[in-house]
Amino acid sequence: MPTSTYFLQECPTCGRRVEVRVEYLGRRVYCDHCNGRFVAEDPNGVESGSVAMSGRDLIARANRLLQAVEARQARTA
């Protein structure tokens, strides 16, 4: 059974860290604590106010993140 990969992003409304699924990069998500809505952003790249990534770029970045997680898991196995 495949498992989802998550990254942490700070909620801009309440400041709590929210677990966001990698496949939601570039989409609007919400904070479970305060219900604040925000766009899931790349944890290692795109900053607020910069040019938005295209869908193809987001998918490529998500695939690189997934490969990095798989490589890390293989090293610890």
Protein backbone atom coordinates (compact mmCIF):
# COMPACT_ATOMS: atom_id res chain seq x y z
CA MET A 1 0.00 0.00 0.00
CA PRO A 2 1.62 3.30 -1.05
CA THR A 3 2.11 5.96 1.57
CA SER A 4 1.87 9.69 1.05
CA THR A 5 4.83 11.98 1.52
CA TYR A 6 4.36 15.18 3.47
CA PHE A 7 6.28 18.38 4.11
CA LEU A 8 5.72 20.94 6.84
CA GLN A 9 4.62 24.47 6.06
CA GLU A 10 3.81 27.22 8.51
CA CYS A 11 0.26 28.52 8.45
CA PRO A 12 0.41 32.24 7.62
CA THR A 13 -2.64 32.88 9.82
CA CYS A 14 -1.81 31.17 13.12
CA GLY A 15 1.84 30.17 12.69
CA ARG A 16 1.31 26.48 13.39
CA ARG A 17 3.10 23.94 11.23
CA VAL A 18 0.79 22.08 8.87
CA GLU A 19 1.56 18.71 7.26
CA VAL A 20 0.93 19.11 3.53
CA ARG A 21 0.97 16.25 1.05
CA VAL A 22 3.58 16.72 -1.68
CA GLU A 23 0.94 16.22 -4.36
CA TYR A 24 -0.82 19.38 -3.09
CA LEU A 25 2.09 21.68 -4.02
CA GLY A 26 0.71 24.77 -5.74
CA ARG A 27 -2.85 24.15 -4.52
CA ARG A 28 -4.86 25.96 -1.90
CA VAL A 29 -4.90 24.08 1.41
CA TYR A 30 -6.20 24.92 4.88
CA CYS A 31 -4.91 24.77 8.43
CA ASP A 32 -6.67 22.18 10.60
CA HIS A 33 -6.22 24.40 13.65
CA CYS A 34 -7.51 27.83 12.53
CA ASN A 35 -9.03 27.00 9.12
CA GLY A 36 -6.73 29.60 7.50
CA ARG A 37 -6.34 29.05 3.76
CA PHE A 38 -3.05 29.34 1.90
CA VAL A 39 -1.17 27.96 -1.11
CA ALA A 40 1.08 24.96 -0.47
CA GLU A 41 4.56 26.13 -1.47
CA ASP A 42 7.77 24.30 -2.25
CA PRO A 43 9.66 24.00 1.05
CA ASN A 44 13.04 24.33 -0.70
CA GLY A 45 12.42 26.88 -3.39
CA VAL A 46 9.66 29.23 -4.39
CA GLU A 47 9.27 32.16 -1.99
CA SER A 48 6.13 34.17 -1.44
CA GLY A 49 5.71 36.83 -4.07
CA SER A 50 7.92 35.14 -6.65
CA VAL A 51 6.68 33.91 -9.99
CA ALA A 52 4.42 30.88 -9.59
CA MET A 53 5.69 27.54 -10.86
CA SER A 54 3.93 25.87 -13.76
CA GLY A 55 2.11 22.60 -13.24
CA ARG A 56 4.88 20.73 -15.04
CA ASP A 57 7.52 22.33 -12.77
CA LEU A 58 5.50 21.41 -9.68
CA ILE A 59 5.20 17.80 -10.79
CA ALA A 60 8.94 17.63 -11.51
CA ARG A 61 9.72 19.09 -8.08
CA ALA A 62 7.30 16.67 -6.38
CA ASN A 63 8.96 13.75 -8.18
CA ARG A 64 12.42 14.92 -7.03
CA LEU A 65 11.15 15.15 -3.44
CA LEU A 66 9.67 11.66 -3.64
CA GLN A 67 12.92 10.26 -5.06
CA ALA A 68 14.90 11.90 -2.25
CA VAL A 69 12.60 10.33 0.36
CA GLU A 70 12.85 6.91 -1.30
CA ALA A 71 16.66 7.16 -1.41
CA ARG A 72 16.75 8.14 2.27
CA GLN A 73 14.49 5.21 3.17
CA ALA A 74 16.66 2.79 1.15
CA ARG A 75 19.77 3.94 3.04
CA THR A 76 18.13 3.32 6.42
CA ALA A 77 16.67 -0.06 5.46
